[in-house]
């Protein structure tokens, strides 16, 4: 897909044009000139419903957002993919003759290698390229900077070598493969699909090879609310075991019933086997499975509520989902670092400033990072000021939903 800068950024396009010019300058400084190069953009994402349900083939509701990563890229004939970013000035290089996984790779280099390898396996054309990037999707913000980067790389390969024909669903699967196999993070498909498809999307991963995708109209302005994400500044170091334990424990419950994923387990059989399950997999795994069954259902119900204009009903379900994440999924802080509970603190402070209105919940994978809040317009200034007094200036982001995923941008 190709889109104009004005259509992509609306009233903010002139500010973005200045940003793009700096990216161009960085590209020229790095690679010598900009002949034959073009711009590409991929968005971050916000999870709206379905917290930790995708990896067990559940249902989710998510949206792409106005914070994006932009790259300037062009073909090369040397068989080497080269990428450098404003944030990490070390050059990542991947030779197309060496696309097997490597443990010594950095995160970004592993992702590039994984994307190229998977594209090649699927029969797409791949080749060398030069790329220079700058991101507004803050790392560790819970807005999935990794998925945005992955989708950007797939988008570059799609347009440089495949006439832009890698469709959004396939692009998301390629990105997830790179993250799972090459980067070693056992994520579901939510992040990549939301960043690739764009807009607000209800997704059903009952058959992950053929996910059911439906875009849902979601105009918060019409309901007088802002969508905020508050970055609590938590440390994401060494949290991979916490993230990995969630799908592992859910799958342990499924295995008890001879299934691989919880989506395949009959909920009535589950509740009829609690005594045996406690002994077999432990109490936390049982609680996390309870969360899955309810949040899988809630994600679908939230989408249905939005489609019929039931916004207040939707907010109640957001709160319900958030409480389940806090008490049953237990992803609001790392058990290895109980002294650091920024998410729990932010949720408590949010409830104080929202005064019984709006809604708030943990955002994304959890354990550290961000919360999400739906804030009435008349409370927005006081809410933002209150949250930033605790978590720092600029920690409260007001997001808007972006209508597209990974795209080529025409100036």
Protein backbone atom coordinates (compact mmCIF):
# COMPACT_ATOMS: atom_id res chain seq x y z
CA UNK A 1 0.00 0.00 0.00
CA UNK A 2 1.19 3.52 -0.85
CA UNK A 3 -0.19 6.62 0.86
CA UNK A 4 0.50 10.34 0.78
CA UNK A 5 2.02 12.06 3.78
CA UNK A 6 -1.03 14.31 4.11
CA UNK A 7 -3.40 11.34 4.17
CA UNK A 8 -1.21 9.46 6.65
CA UNK A 9 -0.63 12.26 9.16
CA UNK A 10 -3.52 14.65 8.56
CA UNK A 11 -3.01 18.05 10.19
CA UNK A 12 0.38 17.02 11.56
CA UNK A 13 1.88 16.37 8.12
CA UNK A 14 4.08 19.50 8.07
CA UNK A 15 5.70 18.52 11.39
CA UNK A 16 6.19 15.03 10.00
CA UNK A 17 7.72 16.44 6.80
CA UNK A 18 10.46 18.02 8.92
CA UNK A 19 11.01 14.69 10.64
CA UNK A 20 11.26 12.93 7.27
CA UNK A 21 13.83 15.47 6.10
CA UNK A 22 16.03 14.65 9.07
CA UNK A 23 15.72 10.96 8.22
CA UNK A 24 16.77 11.77 4.67
CA UNK A 25 19.78 13.66 5.99
CA UNK A 26 20.72 10.67 8.12
CA UNK A 27 20.37 8.34 5.14
CA UNK A 28 22.65 10.51 3.00
CA UNK A 29 25.20 10.83 5.80
CA UNK A 30 25.21 7.05 6.24
CA UNK A 31 24.99 5.82 2.64
CA UNK A 32 26.37 8.71 0.57
CA UNK A 33 23.29 9.91 -1.37
CA UNK A 34 19.55 9.26 -1.58
CA UNK A 35 19.24 8.27 -5.24
CA UNK A 36 16.49 5.67 -5.68
CA UNK A 37 15.47 5.71 -2.03
CA UNK A 38 11.89 5.95 -0.73
CA UNK A 39 10.14 6.27 2.63
CA UNK A 40 8.23 3.59 4.53
CA UNK A 41 6.23 3.72 7.76
CA UNK A 42 4.86 1.15 10.22
CA UNK A 43 2.79 1.95 13.34
CA UNK A 44 2.90 0.92 16.94
CA UNK A 45 -0.18 -0.70 18.35
CA UNK A 46 -2.45 -0.47 21.33
CA UNK A 47 -4.14 -3.54 22.74
CA UNK A 48 -7.80 -2.80 23.43
CA UNK A 49 -9.12 -6.20 24.48
CA UNK A 50 -7.79 -9.73 24.94
CA UNK A 51 -4.82 -9.53 27.31
CA UNK A 52 -2.52 -12.54 26.71
CA UNK A 53 -5.13 -14.45 24.71
CA UNK A 54 -3.56 -14.52 21.24
CA UNK A 55 -0.81 -17.03 22.03
CA UNK A 56 -3.45 -19.59 23.02
CA UNK A 57 -5.45 -19.00 19.82
CA UNK A 58 -7.93 -16.65 21.47
CA UNK A 59 -9.68 -13.47 20.35
CA UNK A 60 -8.31 -9.95 20.64
CA UNK A 61 -9.22 -6.36 19.84
CA UNK A 62 -6.37 -4.01 18.92
CA UNK A 63 -5.60 -0.84 17.01
CA UNK A 64 -2.70 0.73 15.16
CA UNK A 65 -1.70 4.15 16.50
CA UNK A 66 -0.29 7.44 15.25
CA UNK A 67 3.19 6.77 16.71
CA UNK A 68 5.29 5.09 14.02
CA UNK A 69 8.72 4.04 12.84
CA UNK A 70 9.84 5.54 9.54
CA UNK A 71 12.60 4.20 7.32
CA UNK A 72 14.20 5.44 4.12
CA UNK A 73 15.36 2.52 2.01
CA UNK A 74 16.61 1.48 -1.43
CA UNK A 75 17.77 -1.63 -3.26
CA UNK A 76 21.41 -2.64 -3.46
CA UNK A 77 23.13 -5.23 -5.62
CA UNK A 78 25.67 -6.51 -3.09
CA UNK A 79 23.44 -9.13 -1.43
CA UNK A 80 23.68 -7.44 1.97
CA UNK A 81 20.89 -5.86 4.02
CA UNK A 82 22.15 -2.85 5.95
CA UNK A 83 20.11 -0.93 8.50
CA UNK A 84 21.05 1.89 10.81
CA UNK A 85 18.79 3.88 13.11
CA UNK A 86 18.90 7.23 14.85
CA UNK A 87 18.48 5.52 18.19
CA UNK A 88 21.11 2.79 17.70
CA UNK A 89 23.89 4.11 15.47
CA UNK A 90 25.65 0.75 15.10
CA UNK A 91 25.05 -0.63 11.59
CA UNK A 92 23.16 -3.91 11.35
CA UNK A 93 24.33 -6.02 8.39
CA UNK A 94 22.87 -9.31 7.17
CA UNK A 95 24.33 -11.26 4.26
CA UNK A 96 21.67 -13.01 2.20
CA UNK A 97 23.87 -16.08 1.89
CA UNK A 98 23.80 -16.53 5.67
CA UNK A 99 20.19 -16.47 6.83
CA UNK A 100 20.27 -19.22 9.44
CA UNK A 101 19.51 -18.18 13.06
CA UNK A 102 22.49 -16.97 15.09
CA UNK A 103 22.57 -16.69 18.88
CA UNK A 104 25.11 -13.86 18.82
CA UNK A 105 22.87 -11.50 16.82
CA UNK A 106 21.46 -8.33 18.35
CA UNK A 107 17.70 -8.01 18.46
CA UNK A 108 17.34 -5.86 15.35
CA UNK A 109 19.87 -7.87 13.35
CA UNK A 110 18.14 -11.11 14.30
CA UNK A 111 14.78 -9.67 13.21
CA UNK A 112 16.13 -8.56 9.82
CA UNK A 113 17.68 -11.99 9.28
CA UNK A 114 14.46 -13.72 10.31
CA UNK A 115 12.27 -11.61 8.02
CA UNK A 116 14.54 -12.24 5.02
CA UNK A 117 14.76 -15.95 5.76
CA UNK A 118 11.00 -16.36 6.12
CA UNK A 119 10.24 -14.33 3.00
CA UNK A 120 12.65 -16.52 1.04
CA UNK A 121 11.13 -19.73 2.46
CA UNK A 122 7.67 -18.56 1.38
CA UNK A 123 8.83 -17.91 -2.18
CA UNK A 124 9.08 -14.13 -2.07
CA UNK A 125 11.99 -12.31 -3.68
CA UNK A 126 14.62 -10.93 -1.34
CA UNK A 127 17.72 -8.85 -1.93
CA UNK A 128 20.13 -6.38 -0.45
CA UNK A 129 19.02 -2.97 0.76
CA UNK A 130 20.14 0.10 2.65
CA UNK A 131 17.79 1.53 5.28
CA UNK A 132 17.93 4.34 7.83
CA UNK A 133 15.20 4.55 10.48
CA UNK A 134 13.81 6.75 13.22
CA UNK A 135 11.04 5.70 15.59
CA UNK A 136 8.45 7.45 17.71
CA UNK A 137 7.28 4.12 19.18
CA UNK A 138 9.24 4.20 22.40
CA UNK A 139 11.03 0.99 23.34
CA UNK A 140 9.50 -0.56 26.45
CA UNK A 141 6.40 1.64 26.17
CA UNK A 142 3.99 -1.25 25.72
CA UNK A 143 3.14 0.05 22.22
CA UNK A 144 5.12 -2.76 20.57
CA UNK A 145 8.16 -1.06 19.11
CA UNK A 146 9.44 -4.51 18.13
CA UNK A 147 6.37 -5.34 16.02
CA UNK A 148 6.54 -1.91 14.37
CA UNK A 149 10.18 -2.54 13.45
CA UNK A 150 9.38 -6.02 12.14
CA UNK A 151 6.50 -4.76 10.00
CA UNK A 152 8.69 -1.95 8.66
CA UNK A 153 11.31 -4.45 7.49
CA UNK A 154 8.65 -6.66 5.84
CA UNK A 155 7.15 -3.56 4.17
CA UNK A 156 10.56 -2.56 2.78
CA UNK A 157 11.14 -6.06 1.37
CA UNK A 158 7.60 -6.15 -0.01
CA UNK A 159 7.96 -2.90 -1.94
CA UNK A 160 11.61 -3.18 -2.99
CA UNK A 161 11.39 -6.74 -4.27
CA UNK A 162 7.76 -7.87 -4.51
CA UNK A 163 5.82 -4.88 -5.91
CA UNK A 164 4.17 -4.36 -2.52
CA UNK A 165 2.30 -7.67 -2.82
CA UNK A 166 2.97 -9.17 0.61
CA UNK A 167 -0.50 -8.72 2.12
CA UNK A 168 -0.95 -7.46 5.70
CA UNK A 169 -1.89 -10.84 7.19
CA UNK A 170 1.09 -12.58 5.58
CA UNK A 171 3.35 -9.72 6.66
CA UNK A 172 2.22 -10.18 10.27
CA UNK A 173 2.95 -13.92 10.16
CA UNK A 174 6.42 -13.27 8.71
CA UNK A 175 7.11 -10.74 11.45
CA UNK A 176 5.91 -13.11 14.18
CA UNK A 177 8.12 -15.90 12.79
CA UNK A 178 11.15 -13.60 12.94
CA UNK A 179 10.38 -12.68 16.56
CA UNK A 180 9.63 -16.25 17.69
CA UNK A 181 12.36 -18.17 15.86
CA UNK A 182 15.17 -15.65 15.37
CA UNK A 183 14.72 -13.28 18.31
CA UNK A 184 13.57 -16.02 20.67
CA UNK A 185 10.52 -14.26 22.13
CA UNK A 186 7.43 -16.53 22.31
CA UNK A 187 4.85 -13.89 21.34
CA UNK A 188 1.42 -14.45 19.84
CA UNK A 189 0.24 -12.76 16.67
CA UNK A 190 -1.59 -9.78 18.20
CA UNK A 191 1.20 -7.20 18.02
CA UNK A 192 2.27 -7.91 14.47
CA UNK A 193 -1.28 -8.21 13.14
CA UNK A 194 -2.38 -4.90 14.69
CA UNK A 195 0.68 -3.09 13.31
CA UNK A 196 0.25 -4.65 9.87
CA UNK A 197 -3.52 -4.48 9.30
CA UNK A 198 -4.15 -1.01 10.73
CA UNK A 199 -7.18 0.71 12.24
CA UNK A 200 -9.13 -1.03 15.06
CA UNK A 201 -9.34 -4.71 14.33
CA UNK A 202 -11.11 -7.65 15.96
CA UNK A 203 -9.05 -10.80 15.44
CA UNK A 204 -9.91 -14.43 16.04
CA UNK A 205 -6.89 -16.76 16.12
CA UNK A 206 -8.89 -19.98 16.46
CA UNK A 207 -7.11 -21.03 13.25
CA UNK A 208 -3.92 -18.92 13.29
CA UNK A 209 -3.13 -19.96 9.72
CA UNK A 210 -6.39 -18.27 8.67
CA UNK A 211 -7.24 -15.68 11.34
CA UNK A 212 -10.65 -14.06 11.13
CA UNK A 213 -10.17 -10.31 10.91
CA UNK A 214 -12.82 -7.61 11.10
CA UNK A 215 -12.24 -3.87 11.28
CA UNK A 216 -14.37 -2.12 13.90
CA UNK A 217 -15.41 1.53 13.82
CA UNK A 218 -14.13 3.26 16.95
CA UNK A 219 -14.46 7.06 17.10
CA UNK A 220 -13.52 8.05 20.65
CA UNK A 221 -14.07 11.73 19.91
CA UNK A 222 -17.75 11.01 19.34
CA UNK A 223 -17.95 9.62 22.88
CA UNK A 224 -16.06 12.53 24.44
CA UNK A 225 -13.12 10.42 25.59
CA UNK A 226 -9.37 10.37 24.98
CA UNK A 227 -7.26 7.23 24.78
CA UNK A 228 -4.22 7.58 27.03
CA UNK A 229 -1.24 5.35 27.65
CA UNK A 230 0.87 6.07 30.71
CA UNK A 231 4.48 4.89 30.73
CA UNK A 232 5.37 3.97 34.30
CA UNK A 233 9.08 3.77 33.45
CA UNK A 234 9.45 0.17 34.58
CA UNK A 235 12.61 -1.77 33.87
CA UNK A 236 12.04 -4.40 31.16
CA UNK A 237 15.39 -6.12 31.74
CA UNK A 238 15.14 -9.87 32.38
CA UNK A 239 11.35 -9.98 31.97
CA UNK A 240 11.38 -12.58 29.19
CA UNK A 241 10.88 -15.42 31.71
CA UNK A 242 7.80 -13.64 33.08
CA UNK A 243 6.32 -13.21 29.61
CA UNK A 244 7.18 -16.77 28.61
CA UNK A 245 5.60 -18.25 31.73
CA UNK A 246 2.11 -17.01 30.77
CA UNK A 247 1.65 -19.05 27.56
CA UNK A 248 3.59 -21.95 29.08
CA UNK A 249 1.25 -22.21 32.07
CA UNK A 250 -1.85 -21.81 29.91
CA UNK A 251 -0.61 -24.56 27.61
CA UNK A 252 0.13 -26.76 30.62
CA UNK A 253 -3.56 -26.56 31.50
CA UNK A 254 -4.51 -27.38 27.91
CA UNK A 255 -2.14 -30.36 27.92
CA UNK A 256 -3.99 -31.77 30.94
CA UNK A 257 -6.98 -32.18 28.60
CA UNK A 258 -4.91 -33.56 25.72
CA UNK A 259 -4.94 -30.24 23.87
CA UNK A 260 -2.17 -27.88 22.83
CA UNK A 261 -3.97 -24.53 23.31
CA UNK A 262 -6.60 -23.35 25.79
CA UNK A 263 -8.93 -22.30 22.97
CA UNK A 264 -9.39 -26.01 22.25
CA UNK A 265 -10.44 -26.85 25.85
CA UNK A 266 -14.10 -27.01 26.85
CA UNK A 267 -14.61 -24.46 29.63
CA UNK A 268 -17.08 -26.69 31.46
CA UNK A 269 -14.54 -29.53 31.53
CA UNK A 270 -11.99 -27.08 32.90
CA UNK A 271 -14.17 -25.94 35.80
CA UNK A 272 -15.13 -29.53 36.51
CA UNK A 273 -11.46 -30.49 36.94
CA UNK A 274 -10.14 -27.73 39.21
CA UNK A 275 -9.10 -30.02 42.04
CA UNK A 276 -7.01 -32.22 39.74
CA UNK A 277 -5.62 -29.21 37.88
CA UNK A 278 -4.34 -27.56 41.06
CA UNK A 279 -2.25 -30.61 41.80
CA UNK A 280 -1.09 -31.06 38.20
CA UNK A 281 -0.14 -27.51 37.17
CA UNK A 282 -0.42 -25.27 40.25
CA UNK A 283 -2.79 -22.53 41.32
CA UNK A 284 -1.33 -19.70 39.20
CA UNK A 285 -1.73 -21.69 35.99
CA UNK A 286 -5.36 -22.38 36.93
CA UNK A 287 -6.01 -18.69 37.60
CA UNK A 288 -4.36 -17.71 34.31
CA UNK A 289 -6.55 -20.19 32.45
CA UNK A 290 -9.62 -18.64 34.09
CA UNK A 291 -8.44 -15.28 32.83
CA UNK A 292 -8.04 -16.67 29.32
CA UNK A 293 -11.58 -18.02 29.12
CA UNK A 294 -13.11 -14.76 30.33
CA UNK A 295 -10.86 -12.35 28.43
CA UNK A 296 -11.24 -14.31 25.20
CA UNK A 297 -15.00 -13.88 25.55
CA UNK A 298 -14.69 -10.22 26.61
CA UNK A 299 -12.58 -9.28 23.57
CA UNK A 300 -15.40 -10.47 21.33
CA UNK A 301 -18.07 -8.78 23.44
CA UNK A 302 -16.14 -5.50 23.47
CA UNK A 303 -16.03 -5.49 19.67
CA UNK A 304 -19.74 -6.22 19.48
CA UNK A 305 -20.50 -3.41 21.95
CA UNK A 306 -18.53 -0.91 19.86
CA UNK A 307 -20.27 -2.00 16.67
CA UNK A 308 -23.67 -1.23 18.18
CA UNK A 309 -22.54 2.01 19.83
CA UNK A 310 -22.58 0.66 23.38
CA UNK A 311 -19.61 2.67 24.63
CA UNK A 312 -20.51 2.65 28.33
CA UNK A 313 -20.98 -1.10 28.15
CA UNK A 314 -17.56 -1.30 26.49
CA UNK A 315 -15.95 0.70 29.34
CA UNK A 316 -17.38 -1.66 31.95
CA UNK A 317 -15.85 -4.59 30.10
CA UNK A 318 -12.48 -2.82 29.92
CA UNK A 319 -12.51 -2.48 33.71
CA UNK A 320 -13.59 -6.10 34.08
CA UNK A 321 -10.76 -7.26 31.84
CA UNK A 322 -8.26 -5.09 33.71
CA UNK A 323 -9.24 -6.52 37.08
CA UNK A 324 -8.87 -10.04 35.71
CA UNK A 325 -5.37 -9.24 34.44
CA UNK A 326 -4.46 -7.83 37.85
CA UNK A 327 -5.82 -10.64 40.02
CA UNK A 328 -5.78 -13.78 37.86
CA UNK A 329 -3.35 -13.27 34.99
CA UNK A 330 -1.07 -11.50 37.50
CA UNK A 331 0.98 -9.52 34.98
CA UNK A 332 1.06 -6.15 36.75
CA UNK A 333 4.50 -6.69 38.28
CA UNK A 334 7.31 -9.22 38.12
CA UNK A 335 7.34 -11.70 41.02
CA UNK A 336 11.13 -11.49 40.83
CA UNK A 337 10.97 -7.75 41.65
CA UNK A 338 7.99 -7.19 43.97
CA UNK A 339 9.44 -3.88 45.15
CA UNK A 340 8.79 -2.39 41.68
CA UNK A 341 5.05 -2.07 41.09
CA UNK A 342 4.66 0.92 38.78
CA UNK A 343 1.70 -0.57 36.92
CA UNK A 344 -0.23 -1.31 40.12
CA UNK A 345 0.50 2.20 41.34
CA UNK A 346 -0.57 3.78 38.04
CA UNK A 347 -3.84 1.84 38.02
CA UNK A 348 -4.61 2.97 41.56
CA UNK A 349 -3.79 6.61 40.81
CA UNK A 350 -5.85 6.44 37.59
CA UNK A 351 -8.89 5.26 39.47
CA UNK A 352 -8.49 8.25 41.81
CA UNK A 353 -8.33 10.81 38.96
CA UNK A 354 -11.08 9.18 36.88
CA UNK A 355 -13.59 9.55 39.73
CA UNK A 356 -15.60 6.50 38.76
CA UNK A 357 -15.74 7.43 35.08
CA UNK A 358 -13.87 6.13 32.03
CA UNK A 359 -11.81 2.97 32.50
CA UNK A 360 -8.23 1.79 32.92
CA UNK A 361 -6.29 -1.45 32.61
CA UNK A 362 -2.79 -2.88 32.24
CA UNK A 363 -1.61 -2.43 28.66
CA UNK A 364 0.05 -5.14 26.59
CA UNK A 365 2.33 -7.82 27.99
CA UNK A 366 2.56 -6.20 31.41
CA UNK A 367 4.98 -6.89 34.30
CA UNK A 368 6.49 -3.42 33.66
CA UNK A 369 5.69 -0.62 31.26
CA UNK A 370 2.33 0.96 30.61
CA UNK A 371 -1.32 1.21 31.49
CA UNK A 372 -4.16 2.27 29.23
CA UNK A 373 -6.94 4.66 30.21
CA UNK A 374 -10.11 6.01 28.60
CA UNK A 375 -10.39 9.52 29.97
CA UNK A 376 -13.39 11.89 29.61
CA UNK A 377 -12.36 15.11 27.91
CA UNK A 378 -13.29 17.25 30.92
CA UNK A 379 -10.88 15.23 33.09
CA UNK A 380 -8.05 14.96 30.58
CA UNK A 381 -5.94 17.90 31.75
CA UNK A 382 -6.14 17.01 35.43
CA UNK A 383 -5.58 13.32 34.65
CA UNK A 384 -2.47 14.00 32.58
CA UNK A 385 -1.07 16.46 35.12
CA UNK A 386 -1.67 14.03 37.98
CA UNK A 387 -0.07 11.07 36.24
CA UNK A 388 2.94 13.09 35.06
CA UNK A 389 3.58 14.39 38.57
CA UNK A 390 4.25 10.80 39.57
CA UNK A 391 5.75 9.24 36.44
CA UNK A 392 7.47 12.22 34.85
CA UNK A 393 6.74 14.83 32.22
CA UNK A 394 5.73 13.31 28.91
CA UNK A 395 4.82 9.95 30.45
CA UNK A 396 1.12 10.29 29.55
CA UNK A 397 0.51 9.91 25.82
CA UNK A 398 -2.78 10.80 24.16
CA UNK A 399 -3.09 8.40 21.22
CA UNK A 400 -5.13 8.45 18.06
CA UNK A 401 -5.97 5.45 15.92
CA UNK A 402 -4.16 5.21 12.58
CA UNK A 403 -6.15 3.88 9.64
CA UNK A 404 -3.43 1.78 8.01
CA UNK A 405 -0.56 -0.55 8.80
CA UNK A 406 2.81 -0.77 7.05
CA UNK A 407 2.91 1.53 4.02
CA UNK A 408 5.12 3.23 1.47
CA UNK A 409 4.84 7.00 1.92
CA UNK A 410 4.71 9.42 -1.01
CA UNK A 411 5.90 12.92 -0.12
